[in-house]
Amino acid sequence: MKELLLQGKRDAYIVSSSKPIPDAKDSLTRRFNRRIFQARNAYERHLKEVAGRKFLVTMEEPNATKPEPLVFEINGMAA
C-alpha cells in the first residue's frame, strides 16, 4: 500500500468513499476504530510526502451533517 500511495503526484487528492471518521480525540472511539485512524494517518502522511493537496472523506464533504457529491473539474492543465 505504501508504494502505491507514494506514487501520488503533487497537488493530488486521496478520496475515501466512506462514512465520516469519528473524532480521534475520543479514546473509546479511537480504541474501537484503530484501523480507521491508522489508515487515515497513513493517507495523510503519504499525501504530505508527495506534496498532495487534500485527503477527502466522501461523507464529510462539505460537512458530515449534509454531505454532497464531490466534483472534480479536469482540464488540459490540471485537475
PDB file of N, CA and C in Angstrom:
ATOM      1  N   MET A   1       0.828  -1.184   0.000  1.00  0.00           N
ATOM      2  CA  MET A   1       0.000   0.000   0.000  1.00  0.00           C
ATOM      3  C   MET A   1       0.877   1.254   0.000  1.00  0.00           C
ATOM      4  N   LYS A   2       1.925   1.249   0.815  1.00  0.00           N
ATOM      5  CA  LYS A   2       2.799   2.419   0.908  1.00  0.00           C
ATOM      6  C   LYS A   2       3.370   2.784  -0.461  1.00  0.00           C
ATOM      7  N   GLU A   3       3.807   1.774  -1.212  1.00  0.00           N
ATOM      8  CA  GLU A   3       4.388   2.037  -2.534  1.00  0.00           C
ATOM      9  C   GLU A   3       3.370   2.690  -3.466  1.00  0.00           C
ATOM     10  N   LEU A   4       2.136   2.224  -3.395  1.00  0.00           N
ATOM     11  CA  LEU A   4       1.073   2.798  -4.212  1.00  0.00           C
ATOM     12  C   LEU A   4       0.818   4.254  -3.822  1.00  0.00           C
ATOM     13  N   LEU A   5       0.720   4.526  -2.522  1.00  0.00           N
ATOM     14  CA  LEU A   5       0.453   5.892  -2.062  1.00  0.00           C
ATOM     15  C   LEU A   5       1.580   6.844  -2.424  1.00  0.00           C
ATOM     16  N   LEU A   6       2.805   6.359  -2.424  1.00  0.00           N
ATOM     17  CA  LEU A   6       3.941   7.222  -2.748  1.00  0.00           C
ATOM     18  C   LEU A   6       4.066   7.502  -4.247  1.00  0.00           C
ATOM     19  N   GLN A   7       3.222   6.887  -5.063  1.00  0.00           N
ATOM     20  CA  GLN A   7       3.202   7.198  -6.492  1.00  0.00           C
ATOM     21  C   GLN A   7       2.321   8.416  -6.783  1.00  0.00           C
ATOM     22  N   GLY A   8       1.716   8.961  -5.742  1.00  0.00           N
ATOM     23  CA  GLY A   8       0.885  10.147  -5.902  1.00  0.00           C
ATOM     24  C   GLY A   8       1.687  11.319  -6.434  1.00  0.00           C
ATOM     25  N   LYS A   9       1.012  12.224  -7.061  1.00  0.00           N
ATOM     26  CA  LYS A   9       1.646  13.410  -7.662  1.00  0.00           C
ATOM     27  C   LYS A   9       1.357  14.657  -6.843  1.00  0.00           C
ATOM     28  N   ARG A  10       2.139  15.676  -7.092  1.00  0.00           N
ATOM     29  CA  ARG A  10       1.953  16.969  -6.447  1.00  0.00           C
ATOM     30  C   ARG A  10       0.510  17.445  -6.678  1.00  0.00           C
ATOM     31  N   ASP A  11      -0.102  18.004  -5.672  1.00  0.00           N
ATOM     32  CA  ASP A  11      -1.479  18.516  -5.707  1.00  0.00           C
ATOM     33  C   ASP A  11      -2.541  17.422  -5.872  1.00  0.00           C
ATOM     34  N   ALA A  12      -2.165  16.152  -5.651  1.00  0.00           N
ATOM     35  CA  ALA A  12      -3.129  15.047  -5.763  1.00  0.00           C
ATOM     36  C   ALA A  12      -4.101  15.054  -4.585  1.00  0.00           C
ATOM     37  N   TYR A  13      -5.231  14.425  -4.794  1.00  0.00           N
ATOM     38  CA  TYR A  13      -6.217  14.202  -3.743  1.00  0.00           C
ATOM     39  C   TYR A  13      -6.253  12.706  -3.440  1.00  0.00           C
ATOM     40  N   ILE A  14      -6.521  12.360  -2.207  1.00  0.00           N
ATOM     41  CA  ILE A  14      -6.868  10.992  -1.856  1.00  0.00           C
ATOM     42  C   ILE A  14      -8.308  11.057  -1.381  1.00  0.00           C
ATOM     43  N   VAL A  15      -9.153  10.197  -1.959  1.00  0.00           N
ATOM     44  CA  VAL A  15     -10.573  10.193  -1.617  1.00  0.00           C
ATOM     45  C   VAL A  15     -10.938   8.858  -0.987  1.00  0.00           C
ATOM     46  N   SER A  16     -11.513   8.931   0.188  1.00  0.00           N
ATOM     47  CA  SER A  16     -12.031   7.754   0.869  1.00  0.00           C
ATOM     48  C   SER A  16     -13.540   7.766   0.724  1.00  0.00           C
ATOM     49  N   SER A  17     -14.072   6.767   0.041  1.00  0.00           N
ATOM     50  CA  SER A  17     -15.534   6.695  -0.097  1.00  0.00           C
ATOM     51  C   SER A  17     -16.071   5.948   1.116  1.00  0.00           C
ATOM     52  N   SER A  18     -16.246   6.705   2.178  1.00  0.00           N
ATOM     53  CA  SER A  18     -16.644   6.095   3.444  1.00  0.00           C
ATOM     54  C   SER A  18     -17.507   7.036   4.264  1.00  0.00           C
ATOM     55  N   LYS A  19     -18.042   6.478   5.325  1.00  0.00           N
ATOM     56  CA  LYS A  19     -18.780   7.273   6.294  1.00  0.00           C
ATOM     57  C   LYS A  19     -17.809   8.218   6.994  1.00  0.00           C
ATOM     58  N   PRO A  20     -18.305   9.227   7.684  1.00  0.00           N
ATOM     59  CA  PRO A  20     -17.407  10.129   8.414  1.00  0.00           C
ATOM     60  C   PRO A  20     -16.534   9.357   9.402  1.00  0.00           C
ATOM     61  N   ILE A  21     -15.324   9.825   9.556  1.00  0.00           N
ATOM     62  CA  ILE A  21     -14.400   9.221  10.509  1.00  0.00           C
ATOM     63  C   ILE A  21     -14.562   9.968  11.827  1.00  0.00           C
ATOM     64  N   PRO A  22     -14.903   9.253  12.904  1.00  0.00           N
ATOM     65  CA  PRO A  22     -15.138   9.922  14.190  1.00  0.00           C
ATOM     66  C   PRO A  22     -13.900  10.663  14.697  1.00  0.00           C
ATOM     67  N   ASP A  23     -14.133  11.526  15.640  1.00  0.00           N
ATOM     68  CA  ASP A  23     -13.071  12.322  16.243  1.00  0.00           C
ATOM     69  C   ASP A  23     -12.058  11.419  16.940  1.00  0.00           C
ATOM     70  N   ALA A  24     -10.804  11.527  16.557  1.00  0.00           N
ATOM     71  CA  ALA A  24      -9.746  10.685  17.124  1.00  0.00           C
ATOM     72  C   ALA A  24      -9.401  11.061  18.558  1.00  0.00           C
ATOM     73  N   LYS A  25      -9.888  12.183  19.039  1.00  0.00           N
ATOM     74  CA  LYS A  25      -9.575  12.611  20.408  1.00  0.00           C
ATOM     75  C   LYS A  25     -10.331  11.799  21.457  1.00  0.00           C
ATOM     76  N   ASP A  26     -11.410  11.156  21.044  1.00  0.00           N
ATOM     77  CA  ASP A  26     -12.200  10.336  21.954  1.00  0.00           C
ATOM     78  C   ASP A  26     -11.530   8.966  22.076  1.00  0.00           C
ATOM     79  N   SER A  27     -10.989   8.655  23.264  1.00  0.00           N
ATOM     80  CA  SER A  27     -10.201   7.436  23.433  1.00  0.00           C
ATOM     81  C   SER A  27     -11.011   6.171  23.184  1.00  0.00           C
ATOM     82  N   LEU A  28     -12.281   6.140  23.561  1.00  0.00           N
ATOM     83  CA  LEU A  28     -13.111   4.958  23.324  1.00  0.00           C
ATOM     84  C   LEU A  28     -13.304   4.753  21.824  1.00  0.00           C
ATOM     85  N   THR A  29     -13.617   5.816  21.124  1.00  0.00           N
ATOM     86  CA  THR A  29     -13.777   5.737  19.670  1.00  0.00           C
ATOM     87  C   THR A  29     -12.475   5.304  19.028  1.00  0.00           C
ATOM     88  N   ARG A  30     -11.377   5.866  19.472  1.00  0.00           N
ATOM     89  CA  ARG A  30     -10.072   5.547  18.907  1.00  0.00           C
ATOM     90  C   ARG A  30      -9.745   4.071  19.100  1.00  0.00           C
ATOM     91  N   ARG A  31     -10.062   3.514  20.252  1.00  0.00           N
ATOM     92  CA  ARG A  31      -9.752   2.113  20.535  1.00  0.00           C
ATOM     93  C   ARG A  31     -10.551   1.179  19.621  1.00  0.00           C
ATOM     94  N   PHE A  32     -11.833   1.464  19.417  1.00  0.00           N
ATOM     95  CA  PHE A  32     -12.667   0.591  18.606  1.00  0.00           C
ATOM     96  C   PHE A  32     -12.471   0.796  17.107  1.00  0.00           C
ATOM     97  N   ASN A  33     -11.916   1.895  16.718  1.00  0.00           N
ATOM     98  CA  ASN A  33     -11.717   2.207  15.295  1.00  0.00           C
ATOM     99  C   ASN A  33     -10.242   2.398  14.962  1.00  0.00           C
ATOM    100  N   ARG A  34      -9.388   1.678  15.640  1.00  0.00           N
ATOM    101  CA  ARG A  34      -7.948   1.861  15.479  1.00  0.00           C
ATOM    102  C   ARG A  34      -7.503   1.763  14.015  1.00  0.00           C
ATOM    103  N   ARG A  35      -8.008   0.773  13.288  1.00  0.00           N
ATOM    104  CA  ARG A  35      -7.588   0.615  11.892  1.00  0.00           C
ATOM    105  C   ARG A  35      -8.020   1.788  11.025  1.00  0.00           C
ATOM    106  N   ILE A  36      -9.179   2.351  11.315  1.00  0.00           N
ATOM    107  CA  ILE A  36      -9.642   3.503  10.554  1.00  0.00           C
ATOM    108  C   ILE A  36      -8.695   4.686  10.756  1.00  0.00           C
ATOM    109  N   PHE A  37      -8.308   4.925  12.005  1.00  0.00           N
ATOM    110  CA  PHE A  37      -7.400   6.045  12.290  1.00  0.00           C
ATOM    111  C   PHE A  37      -6.012   5.789  11.733  1.00  0.00           C
ATOM    112  N   GLN A  38      -5.556   4.535  11.800  1.00  0.00           N
ATOM    113  CA  GLN A  38      -4.251   4.195  11.228  1.00  0.00           C
ATOM    114  C   GLN A  38      -4.254   4.445   9.726  1.00  0.00           C
ATOM    115  N   ALA A  39      -5.333   4.059   9.059  1.00  0.00           N
ATOM    116  CA  ALA A  39      -5.423   4.280   7.614  1.00  0.00           C
ATOM    117  C   ALA A  39      -5.443   5.770   7.295  1.00  0.00           C
ATOM    118  N   ARG A  40      -6.265   6.519   8.010  1.00  0.00           N
ATOM    119  CA  ARG A  40      -6.338   7.965   7.754  1.00  0.00           C
ATOM    120  C   ARG A  40      -4.973   8.622   7.978  1.00  0.00           C
ATOM    121  N   ASN A  41      -4.306   8.259   9.062  1.00  0.00           N
ATOM    122  CA  ASN A  41      -2.981   8.823   9.336  1.00  0.00           C
ATOM    123  C   ASN A  41      -1.990   8.472   8.239  1.00  0.00           C
ATOM    124  N   ALA A  42      -2.043   7.231   7.750  1.00  0.00           N
ATOM    125  CA  ALA A  42      -1.142   6.814   6.672  1.00  0.00           C
ATOM    126  C   ALA A  42      -1.434   7.606   5.397  1.00  0.00           C
ATOM    127  N   TYR A  43      -2.717   7.745   5.040  1.00  0.00           N
ATOM    128  CA  TYR A  43      -3.072   8.502   3.839  1.00  0.00           C
ATOM    129  C   TYR A  43      -2.585   9.941   3.945  1.00  0.00           C
ATOM    130  N   GLU A  44      -2.823  10.565   5.077  1.00  0.00           N
ATOM    131  CA  GLU A  44      -2.417  11.964   5.247  1.00  0.00           C
ATOM    132  C   GLU A  44      -0.894  12.108   5.253  1.00  0.00           C
ATOM    133  N   ARG A  45      -0.195  11.170   5.863  1.00  0.00           N
ATOM    134  CA  ARG A  45       1.275  11.215   5.895  1.00  0.00           C
ATOM    135  C   ARG A  45       1.852  11.080   4.476  1.00  0.00           C
ATOM    136  N   HIS A  46       1.359  10.120   3.714  1.00  0.00           N
ATOM    137  CA  HIS A  46       1.881   9.911   2.364  1.00  0.00           C
ATOM    138  C   HIS A  46       1.471  11.042   1.426  1.00  0.00           C
ATOM    139  N   LEU A  47       0.307  11.594   1.623  1.00  0.00           N
ATOM    140  CA  LEU A  47      -0.119  12.736   0.828  1.00  0.00           C
ATOM    141  C   LEU A  47       0.842  13.908   1.047  1.00  0.00           C
ATOM    142  N   LYS A  48       1.242  14.089   2.280  1.00  0.00           N
ATOM    143  CA  LYS A  48       2.188  15.162   2.599  1.00  0.00           C
ATOM    144  C   LYS A  48       3.556  14.890   1.960  1.00  0.00           C
ATOM    145  N   GLU A  49       3.972  13.634   1.951  1.00  0.00           N
ATOM    146  CA  GLU A  49       5.277  13.275   1.372  1.00  0.00           C
ATOM    147  C   GLU A  49       5.349  13.568  -0.123  1.00  0.00           C
ATOM    148  N   VAL A  50       4.238  13.457  -0.837  1.00  0.00           N
ATOM    149  CA  VAL A  50       4.239  13.718  -2.276  1.00  0.00           C
ATOM    150  C   VAL A  50       3.721  15.113  -2.608  1.00  0.00           C
ATOM    151  N   ALA A  51       3.575  15.943  -1.590  1.00  0.00           N
ATOM    152  CA  ALA A  51       3.065  17.313  -1.754  1.00  0.00           C
ATOM    153  C   ALA A  51       1.653  17.308  -2.335  1.00  0.00           C
ATOM    154  N   GLY A  52       0.849  16.372  -1.847  1.00  0.00           N
ATOM    155  CA  GLY A  52      -0.545  16.293  -2.282  1.00  0.00           C
ATOM    156  C   GLY A  52      -1.364  17.426  -1.697  1.00  0.00           C
ATOM    157  N   ARG A  53      -2.564  17.552  -2.206  1.00  0.00           N
ATOM    158  CA  ARG A  53      -3.409  18.674  -1.821  1.00  0.00           C
ATOM    159  C   ARG A  53      -4.277  18.381  -0.603  1.00  0.00           C
ATOM    160  N   LYS A  54      -5.086  17.271  -0.640  1.00  0.00           N
ATOM    161  CA  LYS A  54      -6.035  17.076   0.440  1.00  0.00           C
ATOM    162  C   LYS A  54      -6.533  15.632   0.493  1.00  0.00           C
ATOM    163  N   PHE A  55      -6.827  15.174   1.703  1.00  0.00           N
ATOM    164  CA  PHE A  55      -7.483  13.893   1.935  1.00  0.00           C
ATOM    165  C   PHE A  55      -8.958  14.177   2.163  1.00  0.00           C
ATOM    166  N   LEU A  56      -9.822  13.573   1.361  1.00  0.00           N
ATOM    167  CA  LEU A  56     -11.259  13.810   1.444  1.00  0.00           C
ATOM    168  C   LEU A  56     -11.993  12.530   1.815  1.00  0.00           C
ATOM    169  N   VAL A  57     -12.983  12.651   2.672  1.00  0.00           N
ATOM    170  CA  VAL A  57     -13.881  11.549   3.007  1.00  0.00           C
ATOM    171  C   VAL A  57     -15.239  11.932   2.417  1.00  0.00           C
ATOM    172  N   THR A  58     -15.760  11.087   1.543  1.00  0.00           N
ATOM    173  CA  THR A  58     -16.961  11.466   0.788  1.00  0.00           C
ATOM    174  C   THR A  58     -18.127  11.896   1.672  1.00  0.00           C
ATOM    175  N   MET A  59     -18.336  11.225   2.774  1.00  0.00           N
ATOM    176  CA  MET A  59     -19.490  11.555   3.617  1.00  0.00           C
ATOM    177  C   MET A  59     -19.182  12.648   4.650  1.00  0.00           C
ATOM    178  N   GLU A  60     -18.069  13.360   4.442  1.00  0.00           N
ATOM    179  CA  GLU A  60     -17.720  14.502   5.298  1.00  0.00           C
ATOM    180  C   GLU A  60     -17.654  15.800   4.519  1.00  0.00           C
ATOM    181  N   GLU A  61     -17.920  15.755   3.213  1.00  0.00           N
ATOM    182  CA  GLU A  61     -17.752  16.943   2.387  1.00  0.00           C
ATOM    183  C   GLU A  61     -19.090  17.482   1.911  1.00  0.00           C
ATOM    184  N   PRO A  62     -19.408  18.719   2.015  1.00  0.00           N
ATOM    185  CA  PRO A  62     -18.616  19.748   2.678  1.00  0.00           C
ATOM    186  C   PRO A  62     -18.655  19.636   4.194  1.00  0.00           C
ATOM    187  N   ASN A  63     -19.622  18.840   4.724  1.00  0.00           N
ATOM    188  CA  ASN A  63     -19.643  18.579   6.160  1.00  0.00           C
ATOM    189  C   ASN A  63     -20.385  17.263   6.392  1.00  0.00           C
ATOM    190  N   ALA A  64     -20.173  16.670   7.567  1.00  0.00           N
ATOM    191  CA  ALA A  64     -20.756  15.359   7.868  1.00  0.00           C
ATOM    192  C   ALA A  64     -22.267  15.419   8.077  1.00  0.00           C
ATOM    193  N   THR A  65     -22.797  16.586   8.398  1.00  0.00           N
ATOM    194  CA  THR A  65     -24.234  16.727   8.613  1.00  0.00           C
ATOM    195  C   THR A  65     -25.009  16.656   7.304  1.00  0.00           C
ATOM    196  N   LYS A  66     -24.469  17.267   6.266  1.00  0.00           N
ATOM    197  CA  LYS A  66     -25.143  17.292   4.970  1.00  0.00           C
ATOM    198  C   LYS A  66     -24.118  17.120   3.848  1.00  0.00           C
ATOM    199  N   PRO A  67     -23.610  15.890   3.678  1.00  0.00           N
ATOM    200  CA  PRO A  67     -22.611  15.679   2.628  1.00  0.00           C
ATOM    201  C   PRO A  67     -23.213  15.838   1.233  1.00  0.00           C
ATOM    202  N   GLU A  68     -22.369  16.232   0.306  1.00  0.00           N
ATOM    203  CA  GLU A  68     -22.767  16.410  -1.085  1.00  0.00           C
ATOM    204  C   GLU A  68     -21.766  15.691  -1.974  1.00  0.00           C
ATOM    205  N   PRO A  69     -22.143  15.380  -3.210  1.00  0.00           N
ATOM    206  CA  PRO A  69     -21.208  14.701  -4.112  1.00  0.00           C
ATOM    207  C   PRO A  69     -19.946  15.541  -4.332  1.00  0.00           C
ATOM    208  N   LEU A  70     -18.826  14.857  -4.438  1.00  0.00           N
ATOM    209  CA  LEU A  70     -17.577  15.530  -4.781  1.00  0.00           C
ATOM    210  C   LEU A  70     -17.540  15.735  -6.284  1.00  0.00           C
ATOM    211  N   VAL A  71     -17.100  16.882  -6.712  1.00  0.00           N
ATOM    212  CA  VAL A  71     -16.982  17.182  -8.130  1.00  0.00           C
ATOM    213  C   VAL A  71     -15.565  17.666  -8.396  1.00  0.00           C
ATOM    214  N   PHE A  72     -14.889  17.000  -9.318  1.00  0.00           N
ATOM    215  CA  PHE A  72     -13.545  17.407  -9.741  1.00  0.00           C
ATOM    216  C   PHE A  72     -13.621  17.864 -11.183  1.00  0.00           C
ATOM    217  N   GLU A  73     -13.088  19.022 -11.453  1.00  0.00           N
ATOM    218  CA  GLU A  73     -13.032  19.519 -12.828  1.00  0.00           C
ATOM    219  C   GLU A  73     -11.653  19.182 -13.374  1.00  0.00           C
ATOM    220  N   ILE A  74     -11.644  18.536 -14.519  1.00  0.00           N
ATOM    221  CA  ILE A  74     -10.380  18.147 -15.148  1.00  0.00           C
ATOM    222  C   ILE A  74     -10.278  18.873 -16.463  1.00  0.00           C
ATOM    223  N   ASN A  75      -9.160  19.592 -16.650  1.00  0.00           N
ATOM    224  CA  ASN A  75      -8.933  20.263 -17.928  1.00  0.00           C
ATOM    225  C   ASN A  75      -7.527  19.896 -18.421  1.00  0.00           C
ATOM    226  N   GLY A  76      -7.079  20.524 -19.479  1.00  0.00           N
ATOM    227  CA  GLY A  76      -5.786  20.204 -20.064  1.00  0.00           C
ATOM    228  C   GLY A  76      -4.598  20.596 -19.216  1.00  0.00           C
ATOM    229  N   MET A  77      -4.790  21.492 -18.264  1.00  0.00           N
ATOM    230  CA  MET A  77      -3.672  21.978 -17.468  1.00  0.00           C
ATOM    231  C   MET A  77      -3.546  21.252 -16.129  1.00  0.00           C
ATOM    232  N   ALA A  78      -4.659  21.039 -15.460  1.00  0.00           N
ATOM    233  CA  ALA A  78      -4.637  20.425 -14.137  1.00  0.00           C
ATOM    234  C   ALA A  78      -6.035  19.993 -13.758  1.00  0.00           C
ATOM    235  N   ALA A  79      -6.098  19.246 -12.671  1.00  0.00           N
ATOM    236  CA  ALA A  79      -7.409  18.811 -12.190  1.00  0.00           C
ATOM    237  C   ALA A  79      -7.863  19.706 -11.063  1.00  0.00           C
TER     238      ALA A  79
END
